[in-house]
Amino acid sequence: MATDKELSEFLENVERRAFKQAVYAVQKDEAALDIVQDAMIKLAEKYGDRPAAELPPLFQRILQNAIHDYFRREKVRNTWISLFSSLIGDKGDDEEYDLLENYVAEQGNQASESGADQLERAQILNIIESEVQKLPARQRQAFLMRYWEDLDVAETAAAMGCTEGSVKTHCSRATHALAAALKAKGIYL
């Protein structure tokens, strides 16, 4: 197990290299600092009790995951910005424009649903979430990585440290268990 001193020395030695690696990846100094800081904190909190020899590969994996998370967040953020900018159109900055006053919801869109439909949807999502939490840890992990994080089988296997066949098995068992649990509650998706 790494002592506090070994962990501190490791983080001190890897700090500059990790920052450069993050800057090369994201091209923004502020974002790179946040990524490295988050990776260091996660290493210290979750893996500080590991042997000192295991720290370098663990830190690299955490750093790479933090960089990937940054890009995922940016993709979502950019999607929302482009969606809202297309709704506003070519309105000038000097013109007052209230998006909510001028937005008309399309049929079949969540915004066009009645309050009862929205409540029903929220209740179903809560039931699904509670059933996902009841899954065994490996099944839940595989299911969330594949269908929530949208990772492919190989990426999920690498992240979970298992074979691709195991990922497929865990996902299959999870989907069958969820389907059975939801069917038992009268929810057919």
N, C-alpha and C. Protein backbone atom coordinates (compact mmCIF):
# COMPACT_ATOMS: atom_id res chain seq x y z
N MET A 1 0.83 -1.18 0.00
CA MET A 1 0.00 0.00 0.00
C MET A 1 0.88 1.24 0.00
N ALA A 2 0.49 2.21 -0.81
CA ALA A 2 1.24 3.46 -0.90
C ALA A 2 1.00 4.29 0.35
N THR A 3 2.07 4.86 0.86
CA THR A 3 1.92 5.77 2.00
C THR A 3 1.47 7.12 1.47
N ASP A 4 1.06 7.99 2.37
CA ASP A 4 0.66 9.33 1.96
C ASP A 4 1.81 10.05 1.28
N LYS A 5 3.01 9.83 1.77
CA LYS A 5 4.19 10.48 1.19
C LYS A 5 4.43 9.97 -0.24
N GLU A 6 4.31 8.64 -0.44
CA GLU A 6 4.49 8.07 -1.79
C GLU A 6 3.43 8.59 -2.76
N LEU A 7 2.20 8.67 -2.29
CA LEU A 7 1.13 9.19 -3.12
C LEU A 7 1.38 10.65 -3.49
N SER A 8 1.78 11.45 -2.50
CA SER A 8 2.07 12.86 -2.75
C SER A 8 3.22 13.03 -3.73
N GLU A 9 4.27 12.24 -3.54
CA GLU A 9 5.42 12.32 -4.45
C GLU A 9 5.03 11.91 -5.86
N PHE A 10 4.22 10.86 -5.97
CA PHE A 10 3.78 10.43 -7.29
C PHE A 10 2.99 11.53 -7.98
N LEU A 11 2.03 12.12 -7.26
CA LEU A 11 1.21 13.17 -7.85
C LEU A 11 2.05 14.39 -8.23
N GLU A 12 3.03 14.71 -7.41
CA GLU A 12 3.92 15.84 -7.71
C GLU A 12 4.74 15.56 -8.97
N ASN A 13 5.22 14.34 -9.11
CA ASN A 13 6.04 13.99 -10.28
C ASN A 13 5.23 13.91 -11.57
N VAL A 14 3.99 13.52 -11.48
CA VAL A 14 3.18 13.30 -12.68
C VAL A 14 2.39 14.55 -13.09
N GLU A 15 2.32 15.53 -12.23
CA GLU A 15 1.47 16.70 -12.44
C GLU A 15 1.73 17.41 -13.77
N ARG A 16 2.96 17.77 -14.05
CA ARG A 16 3.28 18.53 -15.27
C ARG A 16 3.04 17.70 -16.52
N ARG A 17 3.45 16.45 -16.48
CA ARG A 17 3.23 15.60 -17.67
C ARG A 17 1.74 15.41 -17.93
N ALA A 18 0.98 15.22 -16.87
CA ALA A 18 -0.46 15.04 -17.02
C ALA A 18 -1.11 16.31 -17.57
N PHE A 19 -0.65 17.46 -17.09
CA PHE A 19 -1.18 18.72 -17.58
C PHE A 19 -0.90 18.87 -19.08
N LYS A 20 0.32 18.60 -19.49
CA LYS A 20 0.68 18.70 -20.92
C LYS A 20 -0.17 17.74 -21.74
N GLN A 21 -0.33 16.54 -21.25
CA GLN A 21 -1.13 15.54 -21.95
C GLN A 21 -2.57 16.03 -22.11
N ALA A 22 -3.13 16.60 -21.06
CA ALA A 22 -4.49 17.10 -21.11
C ALA A 22 -4.60 18.32 -22.04
N VAL A 23 -3.61 19.21 -22.00
CA VAL A 23 -3.63 20.38 -22.87
C VAL A 23 -3.57 19.95 -24.33
N TYR A 24 -2.71 18.99 -24.63
CA TYR A 24 -2.63 18.50 -26.01
C TYR A 24 -3.97 17.93 -26.47
N ALA A 25 -4.68 17.30 -25.54
CA ALA A 25 -5.95 16.67 -25.90
C ALA A 25 -7.09 17.67 -26.05
N VAL A 26 -7.21 18.60 -25.09
CA VAL A 26 -8.39 19.49 -25.09
C VAL A 26 -8.11 20.88 -25.63
N GLN A 27 -6.85 21.26 -25.75
CA GLN A 27 -6.46 22.56 -26.32
C GLN A 27 -6.93 23.75 -25.50
N LYS A 28 -7.20 23.56 -24.23
CA LYS A 28 -7.62 24.66 -23.35
C LYS A 28 -6.94 24.47 -22.00
N ASP A 29 -6.16 25.47 -21.59
CA ASP A 29 -5.41 25.36 -20.34
C ASP A 29 -6.32 25.18 -19.12
N GLU A 30 -7.40 25.99 -19.05
CA GLU A 30 -8.29 25.92 -17.88
C GLU A 30 -8.96 24.55 -17.78
N ALA A 31 -9.43 24.05 -18.90
CA ALA A 31 -10.07 22.74 -18.90
C ALA A 31 -9.06 21.65 -18.54
N ALA A 32 -7.83 21.78 -19.05
CA ALA A 32 -6.79 20.79 -18.75
C ALA A 32 -6.47 20.78 -17.26
N LEU A 33 -6.41 21.96 -16.65
CA LEU A 33 -6.16 22.03 -15.20
C LEU A 33 -7.27 21.33 -14.42
N ASP A 34 -8.51 21.57 -14.82
CA ASP A 34 -9.65 20.92 -14.15
C ASP A 34 -9.58 19.41 -14.30
N ILE A 35 -9.26 18.96 -15.50
CA ILE A 35 -9.19 17.52 -15.77
C ILE A 35 -8.13 16.86 -14.91
N VAL A 36 -6.94 17.46 -14.87
CA VAL A 36 -5.84 16.89 -14.08
C VAL A 36 -6.19 16.90 -12.60
N GLN A 37 -6.76 18.00 -12.14
CA GLN A 37 -7.13 18.08 -10.73
C GLN A 37 -8.17 17.01 -10.38
N ASP A 38 -9.18 16.85 -11.22
CA ASP A 38 -10.19 15.83 -10.98
C ASP A 38 -9.57 14.43 -10.97
N ALA A 39 -8.66 14.17 -11.91
CA ALA A 39 -8.01 12.85 -11.97
C ALA A 39 -7.17 12.60 -10.72
N MET A 40 -6.45 13.61 -10.25
CA MET A 40 -5.64 13.45 -9.05
C MET A 40 -6.50 13.20 -7.81
N ILE A 41 -7.58 13.94 -7.71
CA ILE A 41 -8.48 13.76 -6.58
C ILE A 41 -9.09 12.36 -6.59
N LYS A 42 -9.53 11.93 -7.76
CA LYS A 42 -10.13 10.60 -7.87
C LYS A 42 -9.12 9.51 -7.51
N LEU A 43 -7.88 9.67 -7.98
CA LEU A 43 -6.84 8.68 -7.65
C LEU A 43 -6.63 8.63 -6.14
N ALA A 44 -6.51 9.80 -5.52
CA ALA A 44 -6.27 9.85 -4.07
C ALA A 44 -7.44 9.28 -3.27
N GLU A 45 -8.66 9.63 -3.70
CA GLU A 45 -9.83 9.17 -2.95
C GLU A 45 -10.12 7.69 -3.14
N LYS A 46 -10.07 7.23 -4.38
CA LYS A 46 -10.51 5.88 -4.69
C LYS A 46 -9.39 4.84 -4.64
N TYR A 47 -8.17 5.26 -4.98
CA TYR A 47 -7.10 4.28 -5.15
C TYR A 47 -5.86 4.60 -4.32
N GLY A 48 -5.96 5.50 -3.37
CA GLY A 48 -4.82 5.88 -2.55
C GLY A 48 -4.28 4.73 -1.71
N ASP A 49 -5.08 3.70 -1.51
CA ASP A 49 -4.65 2.57 -0.70
C ASP A 49 -3.97 1.48 -1.52
N ARG A 50 -3.81 1.69 -2.81
CA ARG A 50 -3.15 0.72 -3.67
C ARG A 50 -1.64 0.81 -3.53
N PRO A 51 -0.92 -0.25 -3.90
CA PRO A 51 0.54 -0.20 -3.87
C PRO A 51 1.06 0.88 -4.83
N ALA A 52 2.21 1.45 -4.49
CA ALA A 52 2.78 2.54 -5.28
C ALA A 52 3.03 2.13 -6.73
N ALA A 53 3.34 0.88 -6.98
CA ALA A 53 3.62 0.40 -8.33
C ALA A 53 2.37 0.43 -9.21
N GLU A 54 1.20 0.36 -8.61
CA GLU A 54 -0.04 0.37 -9.38
C GLU A 54 -0.54 1.77 -9.71
N LEU A 55 0.02 2.79 -9.07
CA LEU A 55 -0.49 4.14 -9.25
C LEU A 55 -0.33 4.68 -10.68
N PRO A 56 0.83 4.50 -11.35
CA PRO A 56 0.94 5.08 -12.70
C PRO A 56 -0.11 4.59 -13.70
N PRO A 57 -0.33 3.28 -13.85
CA PRO A 57 -1.35 2.88 -14.82
C PRO A 57 -2.76 3.30 -14.39
N LEU A 58 -3.04 3.26 -13.10
CA LEU A 58 -4.34 3.70 -12.63
C LEU A 58 -4.57 5.17 -12.95
N PHE A 59 -3.55 5.98 -12.68
CA PHE A 59 -3.69 7.41 -12.94
C PHE A 59 -3.90 7.68 -14.43
N GLN A 60 -3.16 6.98 -15.29
CA GLN A 60 -3.32 7.18 -16.72
C GLN A 60 -4.74 6.82 -17.18
N ARG A 61 -5.26 5.75 -16.63
CA ARG A 61 -6.63 5.35 -17.00
C ARG A 61 -7.64 6.38 -16.52
N ILE A 62 -7.46 6.87 -15.32
CA ILE A 62 -8.36 7.89 -14.77
C ILE A 62 -8.24 9.17 -15.59
N LEU A 63 -7.02 9.57 -15.94
CA LEU A 63 -6.81 10.78 -16.73
C LEU A 63 -7.46 10.65 -18.10
N GLN A 64 -7.28 9.52 -18.75
CA GLN A 64 -7.89 9.32 -20.06
C GLN A 64 -9.42 9.32 -19.97
N ASN A 65 -9.95 8.72 -18.94
CA ASN A 65 -11.40 8.74 -18.75
C ASN A 65 -11.91 10.16 -18.51
N ALA A 66 -11.14 10.96 -17.75
CA ALA A 66 -11.53 12.35 -17.50
C ALA A 66 -11.51 13.16 -18.79
N ILE A 67 -10.53 12.90 -19.64
CA ILE A 67 -10.46 13.60 -20.93
C ILE A 67 -11.64 13.20 -21.81
N HIS A 68 -11.96 11.91 -21.84
CA HIS A 68 -13.13 11.45 -22.61
C HIS A 68 -14.42 12.06 -22.07
N ASP A 69 -14.53 12.14 -20.75
CA ASP A 69 -15.72 12.76 -20.15
C ASP A 69 -15.84 14.22 -20.55
N TYR A 70 -14.71 14.91 -20.62
CA TYR A 70 -14.71 16.32 -21.04
C TYR A 70 -15.29 16.43 -22.45
N PHE A 71 -14.83 15.58 -23.35
CA PHE A 71 -15.31 15.64 -24.72
C PHE A 71 -16.79 15.28 -24.81
N ARG A 72 -17.25 14.34 -23.99
CA ARG A 72 -18.67 14.00 -23.98
C ARG A 72 -19.51 15.19 -23.52
N ARG A 73 -19.05 15.85 -22.44
CA ARG A 73 -19.77 17.03 -21.96
C ARG A 73 -19.79 18.14 -23.00
N GLU A 74 -18.67 18.35 -23.67
CA GLU A 74 -18.60 19.38 -24.71
C GLU A 74 -19.55 19.06 -25.86
N LYS A 75 -19.63 17.80 -26.22
CA LYS A 75 -20.52 17.40 -27.31
C LYS A 75 -21.97 17.71 -26.94
N VAL A 76 -22.36 17.37 -25.73
CA VAL A 76 -23.72 17.64 -25.28
C VAL A 76 -23.96 19.15 -25.22
N ARG A 77 -23.01 19.88 -24.65
CA ARG A 77 -23.14 21.33 -24.54
C ARG A 77 -23.27 21.96 -25.92
N ASN A 78 -22.46 21.55 -26.87
CA ASN A 78 -22.51 22.10 -28.22
C ASN A 78 -23.82 21.74 -28.92
N THR A 79 -24.35 20.57 -28.64
CA THR A 79 -25.63 20.17 -29.22
C THR A 79 -26.73 21.10 -28.75
N TRP A 80 -26.76 21.38 -27.46
CA TRP A 80 -27.79 22.26 -26.93
C TRP A 80 -27.64 23.68 -27.47
N ILE A 81 -26.42 24.16 -27.56
CA ILE A 81 -26.19 25.51 -28.08
C ILE A 81 -26.68 25.60 -29.52
N SER A 82 -26.35 24.60 -30.34
CA SER A 82 -26.78 24.64 -31.73
C SER A 82 -28.30 24.51 -31.85
N LEU A 83 -28.92 23.70 -30.98
CA LEU A 83 -30.37 23.57 -31.02
C LEU A 83 -31.05 24.89 -30.68
N PHE A 84 -30.58 25.55 -29.62
CA PHE A 84 -31.18 26.82 -29.23
C PHE A 84 -30.90 27.92 -30.24
N SER A 85 -29.70 27.93 -30.80
CA SER A 85 -29.41 28.97 -31.78
C SER A 85 -30.24 28.78 -33.04
N SER A 86 -30.56 27.54 -33.41
CA SER A 86 -31.41 27.33 -34.59
C SER A 86 -32.86 27.71 -34.29
N LEU A 87 -33.28 27.62 -33.05
CA LEU A 87 -34.63 28.04 -32.70
C LEU A 87 -34.77 29.55 -32.74
N ILE A 88 -33.72 30.25 -32.34
CA ILE A 88 -33.76 31.70 -32.32
C ILE A 88 -33.67 32.26 -33.74
N GLY A 89 -32.92 31.59 -34.59
CA GLY A 89 -32.81 32.03 -35.98
C GLY A 89 -31.89 33.22 -36.12
N ASP A 90 -32.27 34.16 -37.00
CA ASP A 90 -31.43 35.31 -37.32
C ASP A 90 -31.86 36.55 -36.56
N LYS A 91 -32.26 36.43 -35.34
CA LYS A 91 -32.65 37.61 -34.55
C LYS A 91 -31.40 38.35 -34.13
N GLY A 92 -31.43 39.64 -34.27
CA GLY A 92 -30.26 40.46 -33.92
C GLY A 92 -30.11 40.60 -32.42
N ASP A 93 -28.95 41.04 -31.99
CA ASP A 93 -28.69 41.23 -30.57
C ASP A 93 -29.51 42.38 -29.99
N ASP A 94 -29.83 43.40 -30.84
CA ASP A 94 -30.54 44.55 -30.32
C ASP A 94 -32.05 44.29 -30.20
N GLU A 95 -32.52 43.25 -30.81
CA GLU A 95 -33.94 42.91 -30.79
C GLU A 95 -34.25 42.01 -29.61
N GLU A 96 -35.29 42.36 -28.84
CA GLU A 96 -35.66 41.50 -27.72
C GLU A 96 -36.40 40.28 -28.26
N TYR A 97 -35.99 39.14 -27.79
CA TYR A 97 -36.57 37.89 -28.29
C TYR A 97 -36.65 36.92 -27.14
N ASP A 98 -37.84 36.48 -26.83
CA ASP A 98 -38.03 35.51 -25.76
C ASP A 98 -38.33 34.16 -26.38
N LEU A 99 -37.40 33.24 -26.24
CA LEU A 99 -37.54 31.92 -26.83
C LEU A 99 -38.80 31.21 -26.35
N LEU A 100 -39.09 31.30 -25.06
CA LEU A 100 -40.24 30.59 -24.51
C LEU A 100 -41.57 31.13 -25.03
N GLU A 101 -41.63 32.44 -25.33
CA GLU A 101 -42.87 33.01 -25.87
C GLU A 101 -43.09 32.61 -27.32
N ASN A 102 -42.01 32.36 -28.04
CA ASN A 102 -42.11 32.09 -29.46
C ASN A 102 -41.97 30.62 -29.82
N TYR A 103 -41.72 29.78 -28.85
CA TYR A 103 -41.50 28.36 -29.12
C TYR A 103 -42.83 27.63 -29.19
N VAL A 104 -43.03 26.90 -30.26
CA VAL A 104 -44.21 26.06 -30.41
C VAL A 104 -43.73 24.62 -30.42
N ALA A 105 -44.24 23.85 -29.50
CA ALA A 105 -43.79 22.46 -29.39
C ALA A 105 -44.36 21.63 -30.53
N GLU A 106 -43.53 20.75 -31.06
CA GLU A 106 -43.96 19.84 -32.11
C GLU A 106 -44.76 18.70 -31.49
N GLN A 107 -45.68 18.16 -32.26
CA GLN A 107 -46.46 17.02 -31.79
C GLN A 107 -45.51 15.84 -31.55
N GLY A 108 -45.76 15.10 -30.50
CA GLY A 108 -44.92 13.96 -30.17
C GLY A 108 -43.69 14.36 -29.35
N ASN A 109 -43.48 15.63 -29.16
CA ASN A 109 -42.36 16.14 -28.40
C ASN A 109 -42.75 16.15 -26.92
N GLN A 110 -41.79 16.02 -26.04
CA GLN A 110 -42.07 15.99 -24.61
C GLN A 110 -42.73 17.29 -24.16
N ALA A 111 -42.36 18.42 -24.77
CA ALA A 111 -42.93 19.70 -24.37
C ALA A 111 -44.41 19.81 -24.74
N SER A 112 -44.87 19.01 -25.68
CA SER A 112 -46.27 19.06 -26.09
C SER A 112 -47.15 18.11 -25.30
N GLU A 113 -46.58 17.34 -24.40
CA GLU A 113 -47.34 16.38 -23.61
C GLU A 113 -48.17 17.08 -22.54
N SER A 114 -49.24 16.43 -22.16
CA SER A 114 -50.06 16.95 -21.07
C SER A 114 -49.34 16.71 -19.75
N GLY A 115 -49.82 17.35 -18.71
CA GLY A 115 -49.23 17.16 -17.39
C GLY A 115 -49.34 15.72 -16.93
N ALA A 116 -50.46 15.07 -17.25
CA ALA A 116 -50.66 13.67 -16.86
C ALA A 116 -49.65 12.77 -17.56
N ASP A 117 -49.41 13.03 -18.85
CA ASP A 117 -48.43 12.22 -19.59
C ASP A 117 -47.03 12.42 -19.03
N GLN A 118 -46.71 13.66 -18.68
CA GLN A 118 -45.39 13.94 -18.12
C GLN A 118 -45.23 13.25 -16.77
N LEU A 119 -46.27 13.27 -15.95
CA LEU A 119 -46.23 12.59 -14.65
C LEU A 119 -46.07 11.09 -14.83
N GLU A 120 -46.80 10.51 -15.77
CA GLU A 120 -46.68 9.07 -16.03
C GLU A 120 -45.26 8.72 -16.48
N ARG A 121 -44.72 9.54 -17.37
CA ARG A 121 -43.35 9.30 -17.84
C ARG A 121 -42.36 9.37 -16.68
N ALA A 122 -42.51 10.37 -15.80
CA ALA A 122 -41.60 10.51 -14.66
C ALA A 122 -41.71 9.30 -13.73
N GLN A 123 -42.92 8.81 -13.52
CA GLN A 123 -43.11 7.64 -12.66
C GLN A 123 -42.47 6.40 -13.27
N ILE A 124 -42.63 6.21 -14.58
CA ILE A 124 -42.03 5.06 -15.25
C ILE A 124 -40.51 5.14 -15.18
N LEU A 125 -39.97 6.33 -15.39
CA LEU A 125 -38.51 6.49 -15.31
C LEU A 125 -37.99 6.19 -13.90
N ASN A 126 -38.75 6.59 -12.88
CA ASN A 126 -38.35 6.27 -11.51
C ASN A 126 -38.35 4.76 -11.27
N ILE A 127 -39.35 4.08 -11.80
CA ILE A 127 -39.43 2.62 -11.65
C ILE A 127 -38.25 1.97 -12.37
N ILE A 128 -37.97 2.42 -13.59
CA ILE A 128 -36.84 1.86 -14.34
C ILE A 128 -35.54 2.09 -13.58
N GLU A 129 -35.37 3.30 -13.06
CA GLU A 129 -34.15 3.62 -12.31
C GLU A 129 -33.99 2.72 -11.08
N SER A 130 -35.08 2.49 -10.37
CA SER A 130 -35.00 1.63 -9.18
C SER A 130 -34.69 0.19 -9.58
N GLU A 131 -35.23 -0.27 -10.71
CA GLU A 131 -34.95 -1.63 -11.17
C GLU A 131 -33.50 -1.77 -11.63
N VAL A 132 -32.96 -0.74 -12.25
CA VAL A 132 -31.55 -0.76 -12.66
C VAL A 132 -30.66 -0.86 -11.42
N GLN A 133 -31.03 -0.15 -10.36
CA GLN A 133 -30.24 -0.20 -9.13
C GLN A 133 -30.27 -1.58 -8.47
N LYS A 134 -31.30 -2.35 -8.73
CA LYS A 134 -31.42 -3.69 -8.14
C LYS A 134 -30.58 -4.74 -8.87
N LEU A 135 -30.10 -4.40 -10.07
CA LEU A 135 -29.29 -5.36 -10.83
C LEU A 135 -27.99 -5.66 -10.08
N PRO A 136 -27.42 -6.85 -10.27
CA PRO A 136 -26.09 -7.12 -9.71
C PRO A 136 -25.08 -6.10 -10.27
N ALA A 137 -24.05 -5.82 -9.50
CA ALA A 137 -23.11 -4.73 -9.83
C ALA A 137 -22.54 -4.85 -11.24
N ARG A 138 -22.07 -6.02 -11.64
CA ARG A 138 -21.43 -6.17 -12.96
C ARG A 138 -22.45 -6.00 -14.09
N GLN A 139 -23.66 -6.51 -13.88
CA GLN A 139 -24.69 -6.34 -14.90
C GLN A 139 -25.06 -4.86 -15.03
N ARG A 140 -25.23 -4.20 -13.89
CA ARG A 140 -25.57 -2.78 -13.90
C ARG A 140 -24.47 -1.96 -14.57
N GLN A 141 -23.22 -2.29 -14.23
CA GLN A 141 -22.08 -1.57 -14.81
C GLN A 141 -22.05 -1.75 -16.33
N ALA A 142 -22.18 -2.96 -16.80
CA ALA A 142 -22.16 -3.23 -18.24
C ALA A 142 -23.35 -2.57 -18.94
N PHE A 143 -24.52 -2.68 -18.35
CA PHE A 143 -25.73 -2.09 -18.93
C PHE A 143 -25.59 -0.58 -19.06
N LEU A 144 -25.15 0.09 -18.00
CA LEU A 144 -25.03 1.55 -18.03
C LEU A 144 -23.95 2.01 -19.01
N MET A 145 -22.83 1.30 -19.05
CA MET A 145 -21.77 1.70 -20.00
C MET A 145 -22.23 1.53 -21.45
N ARG A 146 -22.92 0.43 -21.72
CA ARG A 146 -23.34 0.16 -23.10
C ARG A 146 -24.50 1.04 -23.53
N TYR A 147 -25.52 1.17 -22.70
CA TYR A 147 -26.74 1.82 -23.13
C TYR A 147 -26.93 3.23 -22.61
N TRP A 148 -26.21 3.61 -21.59
CA TRP A 148 -26.31 4.97 -21.08
C TRP A 148 -25.13 5.79 -21.57
N GLU A 149 -23.92 5.26 -21.39
CA GLU A 149 -22.73 5.96 -21.84
C GLU A 149 -22.46 5.75 -23.33
N ASP A 150 -23.17 4.83 -23.96
CA ASP A 150 -23.08 4.55 -25.39
C ASP A 150 -21.68 4.09 -25.80
N LEU A 151 -21.05 3.29 -24.93
CA LEU A 151 -19.75 2.72 -25.27
C LEU A 151 -19.99 1.44 -26.07
N ASP A 152 -19.05 1.11 -26.95
CA ASP A 152 -19.20 -0.16 -27.67
C ASP A 152 -18.72 -1.30 -26.78
N VAL A 153 -18.85 -2.51 -27.28
CA VAL A 153 -18.53 -3.70 -26.48
C VAL A 153 -17.05 -3.71 -26.08
N ALA A 154 -16.17 -3.38 -27.02
CA ALA A 154 -14.73 -3.40 -26.74
C ALA A 154 -14.37 -2.36 -25.69
N GLU A 155 -14.92 -1.16 -25.79
CA GLU A 155 -14.63 -0.11 -24.81
C GLU A 155 -15.16 -0.50 -23.43
N THR A 156 -16.33 -1.07 -23.40
CA THR A 156 -16.91 -1.50 -22.13
C THR A 156 -16.06 -2.61 -21.50
N ALA A 157 -15.62 -3.55 -22.33
CA ALA A 157 -14.77 -4.64 -21.82
C ALA A 157 -13.47 -4.09 -21.26
N ALA A 158 -12.87 -3.13 -21.95
CA ALA A 158 -11.61 -2.54 -21.47
C ALA A 158 -11.84 -1.80 -20.15
N ALA A 159 -12.93 -1.05 -20.06
CA ALA A 159 -13.21 -0.30 -18.84
C ALA A 159 -13.53 -1.21 -17.66
N MET A 160 -14.21 -2.34 -17.95
CA MET A 160 -14.58 -3.26 -16.88
C MET A 160 -13.48 -4.26 -16.56
N GLY A 161 -12.49 -4.37 -17.44
CA GLY A 161 -11.41 -5.33 -17.22
C GLY A 161 -11.85 -6.77 -17.41
N CYS A 162 -12.70 -6.99 -18.42
CA CYS A 162 -13.17 -8.35 -18.69
C CYS A 162 -13.22 -8.55 -20.20
N THR A 163 -13.67 -9.70 -20.63
CA THR A 163 -13.72 -10.00 -22.06
C THR A 163 -14.98 -9.40 -22.68
N GLU A 164 -14.97 -9.30 -24.01
CA GLU A 164 -16.14 -8.80 -24.72
C GLU A 164 -17.33 -9.74 -24.54
N GLY A 165 -17.04 -11.03 -24.49
CA GLY A 165 -18.11 -12.01 -24.26
C GLY A 165 -18.78 -11.82 -22.92
N SER A 166 -17.99 -11.48 -21.90
CA SER A 166 -18.57 -11.22 -20.58
C SER A 166 -19.47 -10.00 -20.60
N VAL A 167 -19.04 -8.97 -21.33
CA VAL A 167 -19.87 -7.76 -21.44
C VAL A 167 -21.21 -8.10 -22.08
N LYS A 168 -21.16 -8.89 -23.16
CA LYS A 168 -22.39 -9.27 -23.85
C LYS A 168 -23.30 -10.08 -22.92
N THR A 169 -22.71 -10.98 -22.16
CA THR A 169 -23.48 -11.80 -21.23
C THR A 169 -24.12 -10.93 -20.15
N HIS A 170 -23.33 -10.03 -19.55
CA HIS A 170 -23.85 -9.14 -18.51
C HIS A 170 -24.98 -8.28 -19.05
N CYS A 171 -24.81 -7.72 -20.26
CA CYS A 171 -25.84 -6.87 -20.86
C CYS A 171 -27.11 -7.66 -21.16
N SER A 172 -26.95 -8.85 -21.68
CA SER A 172 -28.10 -9.69 -21.99
C SER A 172 -28.88 -10.03 -20.72
N ARG A 173 -28.18 -10.43 -19.69
CA ARG A 173 -28.85 -10.77 -18.44
C ARG A 173 -29.53 -9.55 -17.85
N ALA A 174 -28.88 -8.39 -17.94
CA ALA A 174 -29.46 -7.16 -17.40
C ALA A 174 -30.74 -6.78 -18.14
N THR A 175 -30.71 -6.84 -19.47
CA THR A 175 -31.91 -6.45 -20.23
C THR A 175 -33.05 -7.43 -19.99
N HIS A 176 -32.74 -8.72 -19.89
CA HIS A 176 -33.80 -9.71 -19.61
C HIS A 176 -34.37 -9.51 -18.21
N ALA A 177 -33.51 -9.23 -17.23
CA ALA A 177 -33.98 -9.00 -15.86
C ALA A 177 -34.83 -7.74 -15.79
N LEU A 178 -34.41 -6.68 -16.47
CA LEU A 178 -35.18 -5.44 -16.48
C LEU A 178 -36.53 -5.63 -17.16
N ALA A 179 -36.52 -6.32 -18.29
CA ALA A 179 -37.77 -6.56 -19.01
C ALA A 179 -38.75 -7.35 -18.15
N ALA A 180 -38.25 -8.37 -17.47
CA ALA A 180 -39.13 -9.18 -16.62
C ALA A 180 -39.66 -8.37 -15.43
N ALA A 181 -38.79 -7.58 -14.83
CA ALA A 181 -39.21 -6.77 -13.68
C ALA A 181 -40.24 -5.72 -14.09
N LEU A 182 -40.03 -5.09 -15.24
CA LEU A 182 -40.97 -4.07 -15.70
C LEU A 182 -42.30 -4.70 -16.14
N LYS A 183 -42.21 -5.86 -16.77
CA LYS A 183 -43.43 -6.57 -17.20
C LYS A 183 -44.26 -6.95 -15.99
N ALA A 184 -43.57 -7.36 -14.91
CA ALA A 184 -44.28 -7.73 -13.68
C ALA A 184 -45.01 -6.53 -13.07
N LYS A 185 -44.52 -5.33 -13.36
CA LYS A 185 -45.16 -4.12 -12.84
C LYS A 185 -46.14 -3.52 -13.85
N GLY A 186 -46.34 -4.22 -14.96
CA GLY A 186 -47.31 -3.76 -15.95
C GLY A 186 -46.78 -2.72 -16.92
N ILE A 187 -45.47 -2.64 -17.03
CA ILE A 187 -44.86 -1.68 -17.95
C ILE A 187 -44.29 -2.44 -19.13
N TYR A 188 -44.80 -2.11 -20.29
CA TYR A 188 -44.35 -2.77 -21.52
C TYR A 188 -43.71 -1.70 -22.40
N LEU A 189 -42.41 -1.85 -22.62
CA LEU A 189 -41.70 -0.88 -23.44
C LEU A 189 -41.39 -1.42 -24.81
